[in-house]
Protein backbone atom coordinates (compact mmCIF):
# COMPACT_ATOMS: atom_id res chain seq x y z
CA MET A 1 -36.88 -23.77 -23.92
CA SER A 2 -38.87 -26.98 -24.28
CA TYR A 3 -42.21 -27.42 -26.02
CA ASN A 4 -44.99 -29.94 -26.03
CA LYS A 5 -44.66 -32.16 -29.08
CA ASN A 6 -48.17 -33.46 -28.49
CA TYR A 7 -49.79 -30.04 -28.78
CA GLY A 8 -52.83 -30.50 -31.03
CA GLY A 9 -53.51 -26.89 -31.95
CA GLN A 10 -52.74 -25.04 -35.15
CA PHE A 11 -50.55 -21.98 -35.45
CA MET A 12 -52.54 -19.10 -36.96
CA GLY A 13 -50.52 -16.46 -38.77
CA LEU A 14 -51.36 -12.76 -38.98
CA ARG A 15 -54.05 -11.86 -41.46
CA PRO A 16 -52.63 -9.62 -44.25
CA THR A 17 -54.05 -6.10 -44.49
CA GLY A 18 -53.87 -3.24 -47.00
CA ASP A 19 -52.71 -3.19 -50.58
CA LYS A 20 -50.13 -5.89 -51.28
CA ASN A 21 -48.37 -3.59 -53.71
CA ASN A 22 -47.69 -1.09 -50.91
CA GLN A 23 -46.38 -3.58 -48.39
CA LYS A 24 -42.81 -2.98 -47.23
CA LYS A 25 -40.40 -5.48 -45.80
CA MET A 26 -39.40 -5.04 -42.19
CA THR A 27 -35.90 -3.69 -41.98
CA GLU A 28 -33.33 -5.38 -39.77
CA GLU A 29 -33.22 -2.29 -37.55
CA ALA A 30 -37.01 -2.36 -37.06
CA LEU A 31 -36.92 -6.01 -36.12
CA LYS A 32 -34.24 -5.32 -33.52
CA LYS A 33 -36.44 -2.65 -31.93
CA ILE A 34 -39.41 -5.01 -31.74
CA PHE A 35 -37.47 -7.90 -30.28
CA LYS A 36 -35.07 -5.86 -28.20
CA LYS A 37 -34.26 -7.73 -25.01
CA GLU A 38 -34.61 -6.04 -21.66
CA GLU A 39 -31.36 -4.98 -20.10
CA ARG A 40 -30.08 -7.72 -17.83
CA LYS A 41 -29.12 -6.82 -14.28
CA ASP A 42 -26.77 -8.66 -11.97
CA ALA A 43 -28.55 -10.11 -8.95
CA TYR A 44 -27.39 -8.88 -5.52
CA LYS A 45 -29.60 -10.87 -3.19
CA VAL A 46 -31.92 -13.85 -3.31
CA ILE A 47 -35.28 -14.32 -1.60
CA PHE A 48 -36.59 -17.80 -0.93
CA VAL A 49 -40.34 -17.49 -0.37
CA LEU A 50 -41.27 -20.69 1.44
CA SER A 51 -44.91 -21.72 1.25
CA GLU A 52 -45.67 -25.33 2.16
CA LEU A 53 -44.10 -28.76 2.47
CA ARG A 54 -46.23 -31.74 1.46
CA GLY A 55 -46.11 -35.53 1.17
CA ILE A 56 -43.24 -36.27 3.56
CA ASN A 57 -43.43 -40.04 3.72
CA LEU A 58 -41.86 -40.55 7.14
CA PRO A 59 -43.39 -42.90 9.72
CA GLU A 60 -45.51 -41.21 12.37
CA VAL A 61 -43.53 -40.25 15.46
CA GLU A 62 -44.82 -41.94 18.59
CA ASN A 63 -44.57 -40.30 22.02
CA GLY A 64 -43.21 -37.11 20.53
CA ASP A 65 -43.28 -34.49 17.80
CA ILE A 66 -41.49 -33.70 14.56
CA TYR A 67 -40.38 -30.27 13.32
CA PHE A 68 -39.15 -29.28 9.87
CA PHE A 69 -36.96 -26.42 8.66
CA CYS A 70 -35.23 -25.25 5.48
CA THR A 71 -31.64 -24.18 4.87
CA ALA A 72 -30.31 -22.20 1.90
CA ILE A 73 -27.16 -23.64 0.33
CA PHE A 74 -25.05 -21.84 -2.29
CA ASP A 75 -23.24 -23.80 -5.00
CA ASN A 76 -21.68 -26.89 -3.40
CA ASP A 77 -21.25 -25.50 0.12
CA ASP A 78 -21.27 -27.95 3.01
CA VAL A 79 -24.72 -28.44 4.57
CA ARG A 80 -23.51 -28.13 8.15
CA THR A 81 -21.60 -24.95 7.37
CA SER A 82 -24.73 -23.38 5.89
CA MET A 83 -26.80 -24.49 8.89
CA SER A 84 -24.33 -22.76 11.22
CA ARG A 85 -25.40 -19.35 9.87
CA SER A 86 -28.59 -18.16 11.56
CA ASN A 87 -30.12 -16.29 8.62
CA TYR A 88 -29.64 -19.22 6.25
CA ASN A 89 -32.32 -21.18 8.13
CA SER A 90 -36.09 -20.93 8.36
CA SER A 91 -38.12 -21.31 11.53
CA PHE A 92 -38.86 -24.73 13.00
CA VAL A 93 -42.39 -25.76 12.04
CA ARG A 94 -44.28 -28.68 13.56
CA GLY A 95 -45.43 -31.31 11.08
CA GLN A 96 -49.00 -32.61 10.91
CA TYR A 97 -49.46 -36.30 10.14
CA ILE A 98 -52.31 -36.58 7.61
CA LEU A 99 -53.08 -39.48 5.27
CA GLU A 100 -49.88 -41.35 6.12
CA ALA A 101 -47.58 -38.40 5.41
CA TYR A 102 -46.45 -35.19 7.10
CA SER A 103 -47.45 -31.75 5.85
CA LEU A 104 -46.91 -28.21 7.09
CA GLU A 105 -46.87 -24.54 6.10
CA PHE A 106 -43.88 -22.21 6.41
CA ASN A 107 -45.20 -18.89 5.08
CA GLU A 108 -41.89 -17.08 5.52
CA GLU A 109 -38.89 -15.81 3.59
CA ILE A 110 -35.14 -16.38 3.74
CA VAL A 111 -33.39 -13.27 2.39
CA LEU A 112 -29.65 -13.46 1.70
CA LYS A 113 -26.90 -11.53 -0.04
CA ILE A 114 -25.57 -13.65 -2.88
CA PRO A 115 -21.92 -14.52 -2.13
CA GLU A 116 -19.32 -13.46 -4.67
CA GLU A 117 -18.80 -16.01 -7.43
CA ALA A 118 -21.93 -17.96 -6.36
CA ASN A 119 -23.78 -19.29 -9.40
CA PHE A 120 -26.73 -21.17 -7.97
CA ALA A 121 -28.54 -22.07 -4.76
CA ARG A 122 -30.67 -24.89 -3.44
CA VAL A 123 -32.96 -25.33 -0.45
CA TYR A 124 -32.20 -28.23 1.87
CA VAL A 125 -34.98 -29.64 4.08
CA SER A 126 -34.27 -31.25 7.46
CA TYR A 127 -36.29 -32.38 10.45
CA LEU A 128 -35.96 -32.70 14.21
CA THR A 129 -37.71 -35.47 16.12
CA VAL A 130 -38.43 -34.92 19.80
CA THR A 131 -39.33 -38.01 21.81
CA ASP A 132 -39.73 -38.77 25.50
CA GLU A 133 -38.44 -42.09 26.76
CA ASN A 134 -38.53 -42.89 30.46
CA GLY A 135 -38.63 -39.21 31.31
CA THR A 136 -35.70 -38.35 29.06
CA ARG A 137 -36.17 -36.01 26.11
CA ASN A 138 -34.29 -37.04 22.98
CA ILE A 139 -33.70 -34.73 20.00
CA LYS A 140 -32.51 -36.08 16.67
CA LEU A 141 -31.56 -34.09 13.55
CA GLU A 142 -31.76 -35.62 10.08
CA GLY A 143 -31.86 -34.43 6.48
CA ILE A 144 -34.59 -35.28 3.98
CA GLY A 145 -33.62 -33.81 0.64
CA TYR A 146 -32.96 -30.73 -1.46
CA THR A 147 -34.40 -28.87 -4.43
CA ASP A 148 -32.88 -28.61 -7.87
CA PRO A 149 -30.56 -25.58 -8.19
CA PHE A 150 -31.78 -22.07 -9.00
CA LYS A 151 -29.47 -19.89 -11.11
CA LEU A 152 -28.56 -16.64 -9.33
CA THR A 153 -26.37 -14.58 -11.64
CA GLU A 154 -29.10 -12.33 -13.07
CA CYS A 155 -32.25 -10.69 -11.72
CA HIS A 156 -35.06 -13.14 -12.26
CA ILE A 157 -38.19 -14.43 -10.55
CA TYR A 158 -38.92 -18.14 -10.43
CA PRO A 159 -42.71 -18.31 -9.89
CA TYR A 160 -44.36 -20.48 -7.27
CA ALA A 161 -43.93 -24.16 -8.03
CA ARG A 162 -43.90 -27.47 -6.21
CA CYS A 163 -40.27 -28.54 -6.16
CA LYS A 164 -39.78 -32.27 -5.71
CA LEU A 165 -36.99 -32.95 -3.26
CA ASN A 166 -33.97 -34.96 -4.30
CA THR A 167 -33.17 -37.51 -1.59
CA ALA A 168 -30.28 -36.51 0.65
CA ILE A 169 -27.27 -38.80 0.94
CA GLY A 170 -27.94 -41.43 3.58
CA ALA A 171 -31.63 -40.56 3.87
CA GLU A 172 -34.57 -42.75 2.94
CA GLU A 173 -36.11 -41.97 -0.43
CA THR A 174 -38.76 -39.30 -0.10
CA LYS A 175 -41.70 -38.12 -2.17
CA ALA A 176 -41.87 -34.74 -0.50
CA SER A 177 -42.36 -31.49 -2.40
CA LEU A 178 -41.67 -27.92 -1.32
CA ARG A 179 -43.88 -25.17 -2.76
CA MET A 180 -41.84 -22.02 -3.08
CA CYS A 181 -40.91 -18.96 -5.13
CA VAL A 182 -37.36 -17.69 -5.65
CA LYS A 183 -36.57 -14.05 -6.41
CA CYS A 184 -33.13 -12.93 -7.58
CA VAL A 185 -33.15 -9.14 -7.16
CA ASP A 186 -30.82 -6.15 -7.23
CA SER A 187 -29.58 -4.13 -4.25
CA GLY A 188 -32.46 -1.67 -4.53
CA HIS A 189 -35.08 -4.25 -3.57
CA PRO A 190 -36.71 -3.38 -0.19
CA SER A 191 -36.30 -6.87 1.31
CA VAL A 192 -34.15 -6.89 4.46
CA ILE A 193 -31.15 -9.17 4.96
CA LYS A 194 -30.90 -10.29 8.59
CA GLU A 195 -27.57 -10.18 10.37
CA THR A 196 -25.67 -13.47 10.33
CA GLN A 197 -24.94 -15.05 13.70
CA GLU A 198 -23.35 -18.32 14.75
CA PHE A 199 -26.11 -20.89 14.98
CA ASN A 200 -26.41 -24.41 16.35
CA VAL A 201 -29.65 -26.05 15.25
CA ILE A 202 -30.12 -28.39 18.21
CA ASP A 203 -29.07 -25.81 20.84
CA GLN A 204 -31.43 -23.24 19.32
CA PHE A 205 -34.26 -25.76 19.25
CA ARG A 206 -33.65 -26.72 22.88
CA SER A 207 -33.79 -23.09 23.95
CA LEU A 208 -37.12 -22.64 22.17
CA CYS A 209 -38.52 -25.76 23.86
CA THR A 210 -37.72 -24.37 27.31
CA GLU A 211 -39.33 -20.97 26.71
C-alpha cells in the first residue's frame, strides 16, 4: 500500500484513560482478535460494470458514424479470440464528438465465469467506423487500448475509477479513459452469466444496421 509522503497532518494517538497502575498490556491473543482478517473467498465470476468512455482523441468521422465497444480479456489471451465470444463483448455505442474528442456512455455490465487458472483480466476498447463513399458503405474495425489488469483470484470489489487506456499495438496514442467498476464475486452472487455464442463483430454490427 502506498502513502502520500507530502501529507501535512499529524498523527494523534489515543488519549490514555483510567489509573496507569491498573493498565494491562494487550495479550497477543487479544491483538489477533482485533486485527483478525476476514476469511478470503475464491472468486468464481467477474462483473465489469462499464460506465463511460471519455477523451478519445480520434479525428471526427466525416460522412459517417463511429461506434465503440469493450471486450473482456483474461490473462494474455488473444484479442480476436476473446472478441469471438458473444458474452465477452459489450454493446456497440455511438460516439459523440464534443470538444475535439469522442465521448459516450455504456451503462451496462459484462458478467463472466472466471476461467480456470486465470489470474487477471483487462478490458480492451475498440471502435467501428461506418462511412458512405459513392453509395458504398464501408465498415472498419480498429483497437484503441486496454486497461491495466485486475486481479481475479479472490473476491474483491474495485470501486469506480477512471482507468486510463494503454495504447494498443499499432494504434495511435490515446488519452482516453474508461470509468468502470470491477467485482470479483463468488458463485452465490445473483448476477447472470449469458450463454457464450460464436460472434463476429463486423457481421453482428452489419445485422444491427439493417434492422
